[in-house]
C-alpha atoms as a PDB file:
ATOM      1  CA  MET A   1     -28.272  18.169  -6.048  1.00  0.00           C
ATOM      2  CA  ALA A   2     -28.850  16.903  -2.619  1.00  0.00           C
ATOM      3  CA  ALA A   3     -27.149  18.810   0.536  1.00  0.00           C
ATOM      4  CA  VAL A   4     -25.067  17.122   3.413  1.00  0.00           C
ATOM      5  CA  THR A   5     -27.147  16.979   6.437  1.00  0.00           C
ATOM      6  CA  GLY A   6     -27.784  15.401   9.320  1.00  0.00           C
ATOM      7  CA  ALA A   7     -25.925  15.883  12.626  1.00  0.00           C
ATOM      8  CA  ILE A   8     -23.420  13.461  14.138  1.00  0.00           C
ATOM      9  CA  ARG A   9     -25.080  11.630  17.404  1.00  0.00           C
ATOM     10  CA  LYS A  10     -21.821  10.082  19.098  1.00  0.00           C
ATOM     11  CA  GLY A  11     -22.508   7.348  21.720  1.00  0.00           C
ATOM     12  CA  ARG A  12     -20.895   4.401  22.625  1.00  0.00           C
ATOM     13  CA  LYS A  13     -19.339   2.307  19.295  1.00  0.00           C
ATOM     14  CA  PHE A  14     -18.636   6.025  17.700  1.00  0.00           C
ATOM     15  CA  ASP A  15     -15.295   5.466  17.601  1.00  0.00           C
ATOM     16  CA  GLN A  16     -15.645   1.914  16.334  1.00  0.00           C
ATOM     17  CA  VAL A  17     -17.525   3.543  13.355  1.00  0.00           C
ATOM     18  CA  LEU A  18     -14.883   6.318  12.413  1.00  0.00           C
ATOM     19  CA  GLU A  19     -12.130   3.961  12.455  1.00  0.00           C
ATOM     20  CA  GLY A  20     -13.891   1.274  10.166  1.00  0.00           C
ATOM     21  CA  ALA A  21     -15.524   3.996   7.562  1.00  0.00           C
ATOM     22  CA  ARG A  22     -11.538   4.931   7.487  1.00  0.00           C
ATOM     23  CA  GLU A  23     -10.252   1.977   6.799  1.00  0.00           C
ATOM     24  CA  VAL A  24     -13.111   1.438   3.851  1.00  0.00           C
ATOM     25  CA  PHE A  25     -12.606   5.055   2.198  1.00  0.00           C
ATOM     26  CA  MET A  26      -8.588   4.760   2.811  1.00  0.00           C
ATOM     27  CA  ARG A  27      -8.907   1.156   0.689  1.00  0.00           C
ATOM     28  CA  ASP A  28     -12.057   1.994  -2.109  1.00  0.00           C
ATOM     29  CA  GLY A  29     -11.953   6.025  -2.443  1.00  0.00           C
ATOM     30  CA  PHE A  30     -15.563   7.021  -1.442  1.00  0.00           C
ATOM     31  CA  ASP A  31     -17.382   5.553  -4.783  1.00  0.00           C
ATOM     32  CA  GLY A  32     -16.445   2.431  -3.917  1.00  0.00           C
ATOM     33  CA  ALA A  33     -16.843   3.467  -0.414  1.00  0.00           C
ATOM     34  CA  ASN A  34     -20.318   1.008   0.757  1.00  0.00           C
ATOM     35  CA  VAL A  35     -22.193   1.109   3.751  1.00  0.00           C
ATOM     36  CA  ASP A  36     -21.902  -2.678   3.983  1.00  0.00           C
ATOM     37  CA  ASP A  37     -18.544  -2.559   4.153  1.00  0.00           C
ATOM     38  CA  ILE A  38     -18.238   0.338   6.829  1.00  0.00           C
ATOM     39  CA  ALA A  39     -20.526  -1.260   8.896  1.00  0.00           C
ATOM     40  CA  ARG A  40     -19.028  -4.588   8.291  1.00  0.00           C
ATOM     41  CA  ALA A  41     -14.905  -3.423   8.902  1.00  0.00           C
ATOM     42  CA  ALA A  42     -16.421  -1.643  12.403  1.00  0.00           C
ATOM     43  CA  GLY A  43     -17.974  -4.697  13.494  1.00  0.00           C
ATOM     44  CA  VAL A  44     -21.521  -2.677  13.782  1.00  0.00           C
ATOM     45  CA  SER A  45     -24.947  -2.774  12.272  1.00  0.00           C
ATOM     46  CA  LYS A  46     -26.552  -0.858   9.085  1.00  0.00           C
ATOM     47  CA  ALA A  47     -28.448   0.923  11.937  1.00  0.00           C
ATOM     48  CA  THR A  48     -26.218   1.763  14.522  1.00  0.00           C
ATOM     49  CA  LEU A  49     -23.991   3.097  11.521  1.00  0.00           C
ATOM     50  CA  TYR A  50     -26.879   5.155  10.503  1.00  0.00           C
ATOM     51  CA  SER A  51     -27.910   5.886  13.764  1.00  0.00           C
ATOM     52  CA  TYR A  52     -24.346   7.837  14.025  1.00  0.00           C
ATOM     53  CA  PHE A  53     -24.094   9.296  10.650  1.00  0.00           C
ATOM     54  CA  THR A  54     -26.996   9.733   8.600  1.00  0.00           C
ATOM     55  CA  ASP A  55     -25.097  10.769   5.164  1.00  0.00           C
ATOM     56  CA  LYS A  56     -21.523   8.640   3.537  1.00  0.00           C
ATOM     57  CA  ARG A  57     -20.178  12.452   3.038  1.00  0.00           C
ATOM     58  CA  LEU A  58     -21.218  13.184   6.828  1.00  0.00           C
ATOM     59  CA  LEU A  59     -19.179  10.384   7.510  1.00  0.00           C
ATOM     60  CA  PHE A  60     -16.416  11.155   5.645  1.00  0.00           C
ATOM     61  CA  SER A  61     -15.481  14.586   6.268  1.00  0.00           C
ATOM     62  CA  GLU A  62     -16.326  13.308   9.899  1.00  0.00           C
ATOM     63  CA  VAL A  63     -13.320  10.980   9.380  1.00  0.00           C
ATOM     64  CA  ALA A  64     -11.105  13.618   7.363  1.00  0.00           C
ATOM     65  CA  ARG A  65     -11.299  16.345  10.227  1.00  0.00           C
ATOM     66  CA  ILE A  66     -10.664  13.745  13.590  1.00  0.00           C
ATOM     67  CA  GLU A  67      -7.249  12.780  11.273  1.00  0.00           C
ATOM     68  CA  CYS A  68      -6.604  16.424   9.959  1.00  0.00           C
ATOM     69  CA  ASP A  69      -7.176  17.715  13.723  1.00  0.00           C
ATOM     70  CA  GLY A  70      -5.216  15.266  15.453  1.00  0.00           C
ATOM     71  CA  GLN A  71      -2.305  15.505  13.328  1.00  0.00           C
ATOM     72  CA  ALA A  72      -2.710  19.654  14.291  1.00  0.00           C
ATOM     73  CA  SER A  73      -2.715  18.774  17.838  1.00  0.00           C
ATOM     74  CA  ALA A  74       0.165  16.514  18.068  1.00  0.00           C
ATOM     75  CA  ALA A  75       2.300  18.936  15.909  1.00  0.00           C
ATOM     76  CA  MET A  76       1.570  21.590  17.986  1.00  0.00           C
ATOM     77  CA  ALA A  77       1.619  19.713  21.556  1.00  0.00           C
ATOM     78  CA  ASP A  78       5.295  19.208  20.449  1.00  0.00           C
ATOM     79  CA  ILE A  79       6.436  22.812  19.973  1.00  0.00           C
ATOM     80  CA  ALA A  80       8.092  24.050  22.677  1.00  0.00           C
ATOM     81  CA  PRO A  81       6.926  27.650  23.989  1.00  0.00           C
ATOM     82  CA  ASP A  82      10.421  29.348  24.674  1.00  0.00           C
ATOM     83  CA  ALA A  83      11.893  26.808  21.476  1.00  0.00           C
ATOM     84  CA  PRO A  84      13.841  29.520  18.560  1.00  0.00           C
ATOM     85  CA  VAL A  85      11.755  30.223  15.672  1.00  0.00           C
ATOM     86  CA  GLU A  86      13.618  27.919  13.135  1.00  0.00           C
ATOM     87  CA  THR A  87      13.818  24.895  15.219  1.00  0.00           C
ATOM     88  CA  ALA A  88       9.887  25.466  15.514  1.00  0.00           C
ATOM     89  CA  LEU A  89       9.448  26.122  11.909  1.00  0.00           C
ATOM     90  CA  ARG A  90      11.771  23.232  10.841  1.00  0.00           C
ATOM     91  CA  ASP A  91       9.948  21.253  13.258  1.00  0.00           C
ATOM     92  CA  LEU A  92       6.664  21.667  12.039  1.00  0.00           C
ATOM     93  CA  SER A  93       7.800  21.936   8.609  1.00  0.00           C
ATOM     94  CA  ASP A  94       8.950  18.323   8.853  1.00  0.00           C
ATOM     95  CA  ARG A  95       5.522  17.334   9.655  1.00  0.00           C
ATOM     96  CA  ILE A  96       3.292  19.081   7.122  1.00  0.00           C
ATOM     97  CA  THR A  97       5.524  17.764   4.058  1.00  0.00           C
ATOM     98  CA  ARG A  98       5.125  14.394   5.487  1.00  0.00           C
ATOM     99  CA  PHE A  99       1.182  14.706   6.081  1.00  0.00           C
ATOM    100  CA  PHE A 100       1.518  15.610   2.740  1.00  0.00           C
ATOM    101  CA  LEU A 101       2.837  12.850   1.736  1.00  0.00           C
ATOM    102  CA  SER A 102       1.274  10.309   3.544  1.00  0.00           C
ATOM    103  CA  ASP A 103      -0.851   7.888   2.161  1.00  0.00           C
ATOM    104  CA  PHE A 104      -4.258   9.405   3.948  1.00  0.00           C
ATOM    105  CA  GLY A 105      -3.166  12.990   3.657  1.00  0.00           C
ATOM    106  CA  LEU A 106      -2.706  12.354  -0.552  1.00  0.00           C
ATOM    107  CA  GLN A 107      -5.905   9.986  -0.886  1.00  0.00           C
ATOM    108  CA  ILE A 108      -7.950  12.583   1.426  1.00  0.00           C
ATOM    109  CA  TYR A 109      -6.909  14.949  -1.020  1.00  0.00           C
ATOM    110  CA  ARG A 110      -7.425  12.836  -4.157  1.00  0.00           C
ATOM    111  CA  ILE A 111     -11.108  11.883  -3.038  1.00  0.00           C
ATOM    112  CA  CYS A 112     -12.011  15.702  -2.245  1.00  0.00           C
ATOM    113  CA  VAL A 113     -10.853  17.182  -5.333  1.00  0.00           C
ATOM    114  CA  ALA A 114     -12.702  14.274  -7.466  1.00  0.00           C
ATOM    115  CA  GLU A 115     -16.212  14.921  -5.314  1.00  0.00           C
ATOM    116  CA  SER A 116     -16.075  18.396  -4.975  1.00  0.00           C
ATOM    117  CA  HIS A 117     -17.830  19.717  -8.072  1.00  0.00           C
ATOM    118  CA  ARG A 118     -21.098  16.755  -7.584  1.00  0.00           C
ATOM    119  CA  PHE A 119     -20.634  17.424  -3.794  1.00  0.00           C
ATOM    120  CA  PRO A 120     -19.595  20.848  -3.108  1.00  0.00           C
ATOM    121  CA  GLU A 121     -20.463  20.673   0.222  1.00  0.00           C
ATOM    122  CA  LEU A 122     -18.275  17.626   1.068  1.00  0.00           C
ATOM    123  CA  GLY A 123     -15.092  19.968  -0.473  1.00  0.00           C
ATOM    124  CA  GLU A 124     -16.579  23.020   2.086  1.00  0.00           C
ATOM    125  CA  ARG A 125     -16.561  20.891   4.944  1.00  0.00           C
ATOM    126  CA  PHE A 126     -12.869  19.364   3.770  1.00  0.00           C
ATOM    127  CA  TYR A 127     -11.659  22.452   3.269  1.00  0.00           C
ATOM    128  CA  ALA A 128     -12.578  23.918   6.813  1.00  0.00           C
ATOM    129  CA  SER A 129     -11.194  21.055   8.797  1.00  0.00           C
ATOM    130  CA  GLY A 130      -7.919  20.799   6.864  1.00  0.00           C
ATOM    131  CA  PRO A 131      -6.890  23.993   4.944  1.00  0.00           C
ATOM    132  CA  ARG A 132      -7.887  26.665   6.654  1.00  0.00           C
ATOM    133  CA  MET A 133      -7.858  24.609  10.106  1.00  0.00           C
ATOM    134  CA  LEU A 134      -4.246  24.625   9.120  1.00  0.00           C
ATOM    135  CA  ARG A 135      -3.669  27.878   8.414  1.00  0.00           C
ATOM    136  CA  GLN A 136      -5.405  29.119  11.204  1.00  0.00           C
ATOM    137  CA  ARG A 137      -3.507  27.036  13.948  1.00  0.00           C
ATOM    138  CA  LEU A 138      -0.356  27.615  11.707  1.00  0.00           C
ATOM    139  CA  GLY A 139      -0.645  31.118  12.046  1.00  0.00           C
ATOM    140  CA  ALA A 140      -0.987  31.535  15.863  1.00  0.00           C
ATOM    141  CA  ILE A 141       2.298  30.129  16.394  1.00  0.00           C
ATOM    142  CA  LEU A 142       3.612  32.210  14.499  1.00  0.00           C
ATOM    143  CA  ASP A 143       1.917  34.990  15.324  1.00  0.00           C
ATOM    144  CA  CYS A 144       3.412  34.428  18.921  1.00  0.00           C
ATOM    145  CA  TYR A 145       7.260  34.293  17.286  1.00  0.00           C
ATOM    146  CA  VAL A 146       6.086  37.840  15.879  1.00  0.00           C
ATOM    147  CA  GLN A 147       5.005  38.959  19.134  1.00  0.00           C
ATOM    148  CA  ARG A 148       8.798  38.297  19.992  1.00  0.00           C
ATOM    149  CA  GLY A 149      10.597  40.231  17.595  1.00  0.00           C
ATOM    150  CA  ALA A 150      11.375  36.935  15.649  1.00  0.00           C
ATOM    151  CA  LEU A 151       9.373  37.543  12.754  1.00  0.00           C
ATOM    152  CA  ARG A 152       8.347  40.580  10.533  1.00  0.00           C
ATOM    153  CA  ILE A 153       4.738  39.498   9.219  1.00  0.00           C
ATOM    154  CA  ASP A 154       1.822  41.554   8.046  1.00  0.00           C
ATOM    155  CA  ASP A 155      -0.721  39.833   6.306  1.00  0.00           C
ATOM    156  CA  MET A 156      -0.763  36.232   8.760  1.00  0.00           C
ATOM    157  CA  ASP A 157      -2.756  33.825   6.751  1.00  0.00           C
ATOM    158  CA  MET A 158      -0.509  34.864   3.239  1.00  0.00           C
ATOM    159  CA  ALA A 159       2.117  33.983   5.473  1.00  0.00           C
ATOM    160  CA  ALA A 160       1.292  30.637   6.679  1.00  0.00           C
ATOM    161  CA  ASN A 161      -0.766  29.396   3.151  1.00  0.00           C
ATOM    162  CA  GLN A 162       2.737  30.027   1.587  1.00  0.00           C
ATOM    163  CA  LEU A 163       4.852  28.196   4.099  1.00  0.00           C
ATOM    164  CA  ILE A 164       1.925  25.247   3.713  1.00  0.00           C
ATOM    165  CA  GLU A 165       2.850  25.363   0.173  1.00  0.00           C
ATOM    166  CA  LEU A 166       6.881  25.571  -0.029  1.00  0.00           C
ATOM    167  CA  CYS A 167       6.499  21.874   2.538  1.00  0.00           C
ATOM    168  CA  LYS A 168       4.717  20.152  -0.718  1.00  0.00           C
ATOM    169  CA  SER A 169       7.010  21.715  -3.410  1.00  0.00           C
ATOM    170  CA  ASP A 170       7.384  18.505  -6.246  1.00  0.00           C
ATOM    171  CA  LEU A 171       7.416  15.855  -3.978  1.00  0.00           C
ATOM    172  CA  PHE A 172       3.757  16.082  -3.425  1.00  0.00           C
ATOM    173  CA  ALA A 173       3.051  16.409  -7.125  1.00  0.00           C
ATOM    174  CA  ARG A 174       5.008  13.194  -8.000  1.00  0.00           C
ATOM    175  CA  ARG A 175       3.130  10.817  -5.158  1.00  0.00           C
ATOM    176  CA  LEU A 176       0.100  12.431  -6.102  1.00  0.00           C
ATOM    177  CA  CYS A 177       0.502  11.342 -10.105  1.00  0.00           C
ATOM    178  CA  GLY A 178       1.467   8.329  -9.043  1.00  0.00           C
ATOM    179  CA  VAL A 179       5.147   9.362 -10.792  1.00  0.00           C
ATOM    180  CA  SER A 180       6.968   8.425  -7.393  1.00  0.00           C
ATOM    181  CA  ASP A 181       5.685   5.922  -4.735  1.00  0.00           C
ATOM    182  CA  GLY A 182       7.657   7.703  -2.168  1.00  0.00           C
ATOM    183  CA  ALA A 183       9.716   9.672  -0.624  1.00  0.00           C
ATOM    184  CA  SER A 184      13.779   9.276   1.224  1.00  0.00           C
ATOM    185  CA  GLU A 185      14.491  10.733   4.380  1.00  0.00           C
ATOM    186  CA  GLU A 186      17.050  13.292   2.738  1.00  0.00           C
ATOM    187  CA  ASP A 187      14.293  14.159  -0.002  1.00  0.00           C
ATOM    188  CA  ILE A 188      11.666  15.175   2.960  1.00  0.00           C
ATOM    189  CA  ARG A 189      14.907  16.569   4.504  1.00  0.00           C
ATOM    190  CA  ARG A 190      15.636  18.912   1.318  1.00  0.00           C
ATOM    191  CA  VAL A 191      12.165  19.847   0.802  1.00  0.00           C
ATOM    192  CA  SER A 192      10.790  20.842   4.547  1.00  0.00           C
ATOM    193  CA  GLY A 193      14.080  22.968   4.792  1.00  0.00           C
ATOM    194  CA  ALA A 194      14.631  24.992   2.264  1.00  0.00           C
ATOM    195  CA  ALA A 195      11.354  25.377   3.064  1.00  0.00           C
ATOM    196  CA  VAL A 196      12.023  27.263   5.837  1.00  0.00           C
ATOM    197  CA  ASP A 197      15.139  29.335   4.552  1.00  0.00           C
ATOM    198  CA  MET A 198      13.116  30.346   1.843  1.00  0.00           C
ATOM    199  CA  PHE A 199      10.068  31.627   5.002  1.00  0.00           C
ATOM    200  CA  LEU A 200      12.797  33.402   7.360  1.00  0.00           C
ATOM    201  CA  ALA A 201      14.133  35.001   4.373  1.00  0.00           C
ATOM    202  CA  ARG A 202      11.257  36.814   3.655  1.00  0.00           C
ATOM    203  CA  TYR A 203       9.663  36.898   7.032  1.00  0.00           C
ATOM    204  CA  GLY A 204      13.143  36.439   9.634  1.00  0.00           C
ATOM    205  CA  ALA A 205      12.903  39.537  12.316  1.00  0.00           C
ATOM    206  CA  HIS A 206      16.690  39.986  10.150  1.00  0.00           C
ATOM    207  CA  THR A 207      15.727  40.662   7.124  1.00  0.00           C
END
């Protein structure tokens, strides 16, 4: 099985290539996406595309990394340094739930699950830039509240993972399986709010 090889080279049309690839991967999935369509969507030649990315898997993993990093950075930047722990957690949980339910979040998950058995490197790259990155950044925020005495957490990785999984609840499974084509604002608030309530019941300093 061929490994994902090659280095990413950035240049003037790098962002164009990523945006075109994002559009095609979202529309056609991983197998359905071909280099001609990506180059056309990006408005570049195939030679230009290959000069940046020598492998489609490398291109896909970079699209996923950039999107996940952007979402996480925006969420973290909006947390006020002095915000009460419950306020911060409710905002973070709301954002996490919405990302899981977004078209991008669902499609990336589907692609990685479908392709990781054929291309383990693809799954590894996605895990590093998605779930692991989210756990690490969330853990850094939770640790701030531990230092303030608002939370009591002995196993930070476990606590961060638990909050992330609580934010999925049944809404994610229903969207993933096609049982539901969307979630109402009330549903999202119910799931993200319950995630925070349960998390604080376990890790809140008052407990």
